[in-house]
Amino acid sequence: MTPPSSLKARRFRSAAVLAALLCLPATSLASAEVTQQGTLRVSFEGRIAPHQLPRQGKAPVAVTLSGDIKTTDGQDPPQLREISLAINRNGRLDYKGLPRCNFHQIQPASTVEARESCKRSLVGSGIFKANVALPEQSPFPSNGTILAFNGNLHGKPVIYAHIYGTEPLPTSFVLPFKIKRGSGAYATTLVARLPQVAAEWGFVSGVSLTLSRNFTYRGARHSYLSAGCPAPKGFPGATFAFAEASFGFEDGKTLSSTLTRSCGVKG
């Protein structure tokens, strides 16, 4: 029997605190958070690297967020329509001075072409997974490569997620992740709506995206993502709500989960 969510949270927090005290790497704590409505099940995961971060100020980090979509009865899941990724306020997104990629430079384009056109704007990469069903054939998995670029849409900063797959036919499309700022626990939220071409490719079964980029602007070193460890003075580490991930589906269902992670104080 699955333990109540509150009990699971307490157990996880205890394990995270112990690991922080022992200065274990963050990957040892990475575990999936499973959310289910009816037969639809989404498994969310996330991590931040490095594990050791400054108590005061911020240091460059890489952030990975992912979700796998399944059904408990083996049927095709509803079409994925919206992805929302909220990042803890202790993380900072810095794109000032970073070159911008234009939508028309990467759509249409293969992964190689997109990287060549906007390599100076590259901020991350990942994988896009789908189940493709062709007439009179059993469904088969098809993976696409994701390249993330710093961009601008209607005068506002975005992350362009360029997705390219080769099965059953070469297909590319671009997801603009709008960057929303807030003042609560999650200061930065990335939101994207999937275009119709994504549905034509197949039923989305998973998405994984890692964001990380160091660059120079006006002679100074910058990091696209940076973070600190919110540990109180005198404590060697902290456990915190690292991110909140949410998937919205065509049938109206929305599955969300909060990912709790730990960090150790650097130095």
Protein backbone atom coordinates (compact mmCIF):
# COMPACT_ATOMS: atom_id res chain seq x y z
CA MET A 1 0.00 0.00 0.00
CA THR A 2 1.30 3.45 -0.88
CA PRO A 3 1.96 5.51 2.27
CA PRO A 4 0.04 8.83 2.68
CA SER A 5 1.66 11.77 0.92
CA SER A 6 2.41 13.49 4.24
CA LEU A 7 4.21 10.40 5.53
CA LYS A 8 6.16 10.10 2.26
CA ALA A 9 7.16 13.75 2.55
CA ARG A 10 8.36 13.32 6.13
CA ARG A 11 10.39 10.26 5.19
CA PHE A 12 11.91 12.08 2.23
CA ARG A 13 12.80 15.14 4.29
CA SER A 14 14.49 12.97 6.90
CA ALA A 15 16.57 11.19 4.24
CA ALA A 16 17.46 14.50 2.61
CA VAL A 17 18.63 16.06 5.88
CA LEU A 18 20.75 13.00 6.69
CA ALA A 19 22.33 13.06 3.24
CA ALA A 20 23.07 16.77 3.54
CA LEU A 21 24.80 16.17 6.85
CA LEU A 22 26.90 13.44 5.26
CA CYS A 23 27.58 15.67 2.20
CA LEU A 24 26.29 13.02 -0.20
CA PRO A 25 25.89 14.03 -3.88
CA ALA A 26 22.48 15.28 -5.01
CA THR A 27 22.01 12.37 -7.41
CA SER A 28 21.78 9.99 -4.45
CA LEU A 29 18.55 11.74 -3.46
CA ALA A 30 16.99 12.02 -6.89
CA SER A 31 13.73 10.09 -6.85
CA ALA A 32 10.58 10.30 -8.92
CA GLU A 33 7.38 11.86 -7.64
CA VAL A 34 4.41 9.96 -9.09
CA THR A 35 1.04 11.67 -9.60
CA GLN A 36 -2.06 9.90 -10.93
CA GLN A 37 -5.61 10.77 -12.01
CA GLY A 38 -7.74 7.83 -13.11
CA THR A 39 -5.56 5.69 -15.36
CA LEU A 40 -3.23 8.57 -16.27
CA ARG A 41 0.09 8.55 -14.40
CA VAL A 42 2.98 11.03 -14.60
CA SER A 43 6.36 10.47 -12.98
CA PHE A 44 8.26 13.73 -12.35
CA GLU A 45 12.00 13.97 -11.65
CA GLY A 46 14.49 16.78 -11.20
CA ARG A 47 17.98 17.55 -10.00
CA ILE A 48 20.41 20.39 -9.54
CA ALA A 49 24.19 20.19 -9.89
CA PRO A 50 26.52 20.76 -8.18
CA HIS A 51 25.19 19.73 -4.77
CA GLN A 52 27.49 22.08 -2.82
CA LEU A 53 26.41 25.73 -3.15
CA PRO A 54 27.28 28.97 -1.35
CA ARG A 55 25.21 30.09 1.64
CA GLN A 56 25.67 33.71 0.59
CA GLY A 57 25.48 34.66 -3.09
CA LYS A 58 25.02 32.26 -5.99
CA ALA A 59 27.08 29.87 -8.11
CA PRO A 60 26.57 28.43 -11.62
CA VAL A 61 24.29 25.37 -11.71
CA ALA A 62 22.71 22.96 -14.15
CA VAL A 63 19.02 22.15 -13.64
CA THR A 64 17.29 19.06 -15.06
CA LEU A 65 13.51 18.58 -15.03
CA SER A 66 11.65 15.69 -16.64
CA GLY A 67 8.36 13.86 -16.73
CA ASP A 68 7.27 10.43 -18.04
CA ILE A 69 3.66 9.86 -19.07
CA LYS A 70 1.95 6.46 -18.87
CA THR A 71 -1.45 4.86 -18.38
CA THR A 72 -2.15 1.99 -16.02
CA ASP A 73 -4.38 0.20 -18.56
CA GLY A 74 -1.93 0.34 -21.47
CA GLN A 75 -4.09 2.71 -23.56
CA ASP A 76 -2.76 5.84 -25.25
CA PRO A 77 -2.68 8.81 -22.84
CA PRO A 78 -4.54 12.01 -23.73
CA GLN A 79 -2.55 14.46 -25.82
CA LEU A 80 -0.19 16.67 -23.84
CA ARG A 81 -1.10 20.34 -24.31
CA GLU A 82 0.84 22.42 -21.77
CA ILE A 83 4.08 22.14 -19.81
CA SER A 84 4.82 24.32 -16.77
CA LEU A 85 8.13 24.25 -14.88
CA ALA A 86 8.50 26.47 -11.80
CA ILE A 87 11.96 26.96 -10.25
CA ASN A 88 12.65 27.83 -6.60
CA ARG A 89 13.32 31.51 -5.83
CA ASN A 90 16.86 30.63 -4.68
CA GLY A 91 17.65 30.04 -8.34
CA ARG A 92 18.38 32.92 -10.71
CA LEU A 93 17.89 33.05 -14.49
CA ASP A 94 20.31 35.49 -16.17
CA TYR A 95 20.12 36.10 -19.92
CA LYS A 96 21.29 39.73 -20.13
CA GLY A 97 23.99 39.95 -22.79
CA LEU A 98 23.40 36.42 -24.07
CA PRO A 99 22.81 36.28 -27.87
CA ARG A 100 19.23 35.62 -28.93
CA CYS A 101 18.00 33.05 -31.40
CA ASN A 102 15.27 33.91 -33.93
CA PHE A 103 12.36 31.48 -34.37
CA HIS A 104 12.84 31.38 -38.15
CA GLN A 105 16.48 30.36 -37.74
CA ILE A 106 15.47 27.00 -36.25
CA GLN A 107 12.07 26.22 -37.79
CA PRO A 108 12.08 24.16 -39.89
CA ALA A 109 15.52 22.67 -39.22
CA SER A 110 17.25 19.49 -38.15
CA THR A 111 19.13 19.32 -34.84
CA VAL A 112 22.43 19.88 -36.65
CA GLU A 113 21.05 22.85 -38.59
CA ALA A 114 19.47 24.44 -35.51
CA ARG A 115 22.65 24.09 -33.47
CA GLU A 116 24.72 25.65 -36.27
CA SER A 117 22.28 28.55 -36.74
CA CYS A 118 22.00 29.47 -33.06
CA LYS A 119 24.97 27.88 -31.29
CA ARG A 120 25.82 31.15 -29.52
CA SER A 121 22.32 31.15 -27.97
CA LEU A 122 22.31 27.51 -26.80
CA VAL A 123 21.30 27.14 -23.12
CA GLY A 124 20.37 23.46 -22.80
CA SER A 125 19.38 20.15 -24.31
CA GLY A 126 17.14 17.16 -23.69
CA ILE A 127 14.89 14.42 -25.06
CA PHE A 128 11.27 14.39 -26.24
CA LYS A 129 9.58 10.96 -26.31
CA ALA A 130 6.41 9.87 -28.09
CA ASN A 131 4.47 6.73 -28.97
CA VAL A 132 3.67 6.66 -32.68
CA ALA A 133 0.72 4.65 -34.00
CA LEU A 134 0.53 4.05 -37.76
CA PRO A 135 -2.43 2.36 -39.54
CA GLU A 136 -2.40 -1.43 -39.14
CA GLN A 137 0.76 -1.31 -37.00
CA SER A 138 1.48 -1.61 -33.31
CA PRO A 139 2.56 1.61 -31.60
CA PHE A 140 6.31 2.13 -31.43
CA PRO A 141 8.46 4.58 -29.42
CA SER A 142 10.05 7.55 -31.16
CA ASN A 143 12.56 9.87 -29.51
CA GLY A 144 13.31 13.44 -30.48
CA THR A 145 16.27 15.62 -29.56
CA ILE A 146 15.65 18.92 -27.76
CA LEU A 147 17.92 21.94 -28.06
CA ALA A 148 17.07 24.96 -25.90
CA PHE A 149 17.95 28.46 -27.10
CA ASN A 150 17.76 31.91 -25.54
CA GLY A 151 15.21 33.87 -27.58
CA ASN A 152 12.73 36.71 -27.75
CA LEU A 153 9.03 36.57 -28.63
CA HIS A 154 6.94 39.72 -29.04
CA GLY A 155 9.57 41.69 -27.14
CA LYS A 156 9.70 39.30 -24.19
CA PRO A 157 12.40 36.73 -23.32
CA VAL A 158 11.64 33.07 -24.00
CA ILE A 159 13.38 29.73 -24.21
CA TYR A 160 12.92 28.17 -27.64
CA ALA A 161 12.85 24.38 -27.30
CA HIS A 162 13.68 23.02 -30.76
CA ILE A 163 12.48 19.41 -31.13
CA TYR A 164 13.56 17.13 -33.96
CA GLY A 165 12.61 13.51 -34.59
CA THR A 166 13.25 11.18 -37.51
CA GLU A 167 10.50 8.55 -37.07
CA PRO A 168 8.19 7.90 -38.76
CA LEU A 169 9.30 10.92 -40.86
CA PRO A 170 11.74 13.77 -40.16
CA THR A 171 9.78 16.33 -38.14
CA SER A 172 10.77 19.52 -36.35
CA PHE A 173 8.81 21.98 -34.27
CA VAL A 174 9.57 24.68 -31.72
CA LEU A 175 8.06 25.18 -28.26
CA PRO A 176 8.43 28.74 -26.96
CA PHE A 177 8.67 28.56 -23.17
CA LYS A 178 7.45 31.88 -21.82
CA ILE A 179 9.43 33.11 -18.81
CA LYS A 180 7.15 34.34 -16.04
CA ARG A 181 8.48 36.13 -12.97
CA GLY A 182 6.89 35.90 -9.53
CA SER A 183 7.51 36.85 -5.92
CA GLY A 184 6.48 33.66 -4.13
CA ALA A 185 8.31 30.41 -3.47
CA TYR A 186 8.90 29.99 -7.20
CA ALA A 187 10.33 33.18 -8.69
CA THR A 188 10.65 31.83 -12.25
CA THR A 189 8.12 29.74 -14.18
CA LEU A 190 8.54 28.40 -17.72
CA VAL A 191 5.28 27.72 -19.60
CA ALA A 192 4.81 26.24 -23.09
CA ARG A 193 1.79 25.23 -25.18
CA LEU A 194 2.33 22.32 -27.57
CA PRO A 195 1.50 22.96 -31.26
CA GLN A 196 -0.77 20.66 -33.27
CA VAL A 197 2.22 19.19 -35.10
CA ALA A 198 3.28 17.57 -31.81
CA ALA A 199 0.00 15.63 -31.73
CA GLU A 200 0.49 14.59 -35.35
CA TRP A 201 3.87 13.11 -34.42
CA GLY A 202 2.35 10.85 -31.74
CA PHE A 203 1.23 10.65 -28.13
CA VAL A 204 3.83 12.34 -25.96
CA SER A 205 5.26 9.88 -23.42
CA GLY A 206 8.04 11.94 -21.87
CA VAL A 207 10.07 15.14 -21.78
CA SER A 208 13.47 15.80 -20.22
CA LEU A 209 15.30 19.14 -20.33
CA THR A 210 18.62 20.27 -18.82
CA LEU A 211 19.46 23.98 -18.69
CA SER A 212 23.07 25.11 -18.21
CA ARG A 213 25.24 27.77 -19.87
CA ASN A 214 28.19 29.98 -18.89
CA PHE A 215 28.97 33.07 -20.95
CA THR A 216 30.87 36.35 -20.88
CA TYR A 217 29.21 39.76 -21.00
CA ARG A 218 31.13 43.05 -20.82
CA GLY A 219 34.21 41.22 -19.63
CA ALA A 220 32.47 39.47 -16.74
CA ARG A 221 31.54 35.80 -16.38
CA HIS A 222 27.83 34.99 -16.18
CA SER A 223 25.77 31.83 -15.76
CA TYR A 224 22.36 31.33 -17.38
CA LEU A 225 21.29 29.59 -14.16
CA SER A 226 22.78 30.16 -10.72
CA ALA A 227 21.68 29.30 -7.20
CA GLY A 228 22.60 29.34 -3.52
CA CYS A 229 21.86 26.91 -0.70
CA PRO A 230 19.14 28.29 1.65
CA ALA A 231 20.70 26.73 4.76
CA PRO A 232 20.42 28.73 8.01
CA LYS A 233 23.66 29.86 9.61
CA GLY A 234 25.31 27.02 11.46
CA PHE A 235 23.68 24.26 9.37
CA PRO A 236 25.72 22.31 6.78
CA GLY A 237 22.83 21.93 4.35
CA ALA A 238 19.13 22.40 3.68
CA THR A 239 16.11 20.68 2.19
CA PHE A 240 13.88 22.83 0.00
CA ALA A 241 11.09 22.79 -2.59
CA PHE A 242 13.36 22.67 -5.63
CA ALA A 243 10.75 22.88 -8.40
CA GLU A 244 7.11 22.36 -9.30
CA ALA A 245 6.32 20.59 -12.56
CA SER A 246 2.90 20.44 -14.19
CA PHE A 247 1.49 18.79 -17.34
CA GLY A 248 -1.90 19.81 -18.79
CA PHE A 249 -3.75 17.41 -21.11
CA GLU A 250 -6.32 17.66 -23.87
CA ASP A 251 -9.04 16.03 -21.76
CA GLY A 252 -8.75 18.74 -19.10
CA LYS A 253 -6.60 16.82 -16.62
CA THR A 254 -3.64 18.60 -15.03
CA LEU A 255 -1.05 16.58 -13.11
CA SER A 256 1.42 18.45 -10.93
CA SER A 257 4.09 17.60 -8.40
CA THR A 258 6.51 19.44 -6.11
CA LEU A 259 10.05 18.11 -6.16
CA THR A 260 11.91 18.37 -2.86
CA ARG A 261 15.69 18.30 -2.98
CA SER A 262 18.66 19.08 -0.73
CA CYS A 263 21.89 21.06 -0.98
CA GLY A 264 25.09 21.32 1.02
CA VAL A 265 26.85 24.54 1.93
CA LYS A 266 30.04 25.10 -0.05
CA GLY A 267 33.17 25.75 1.93
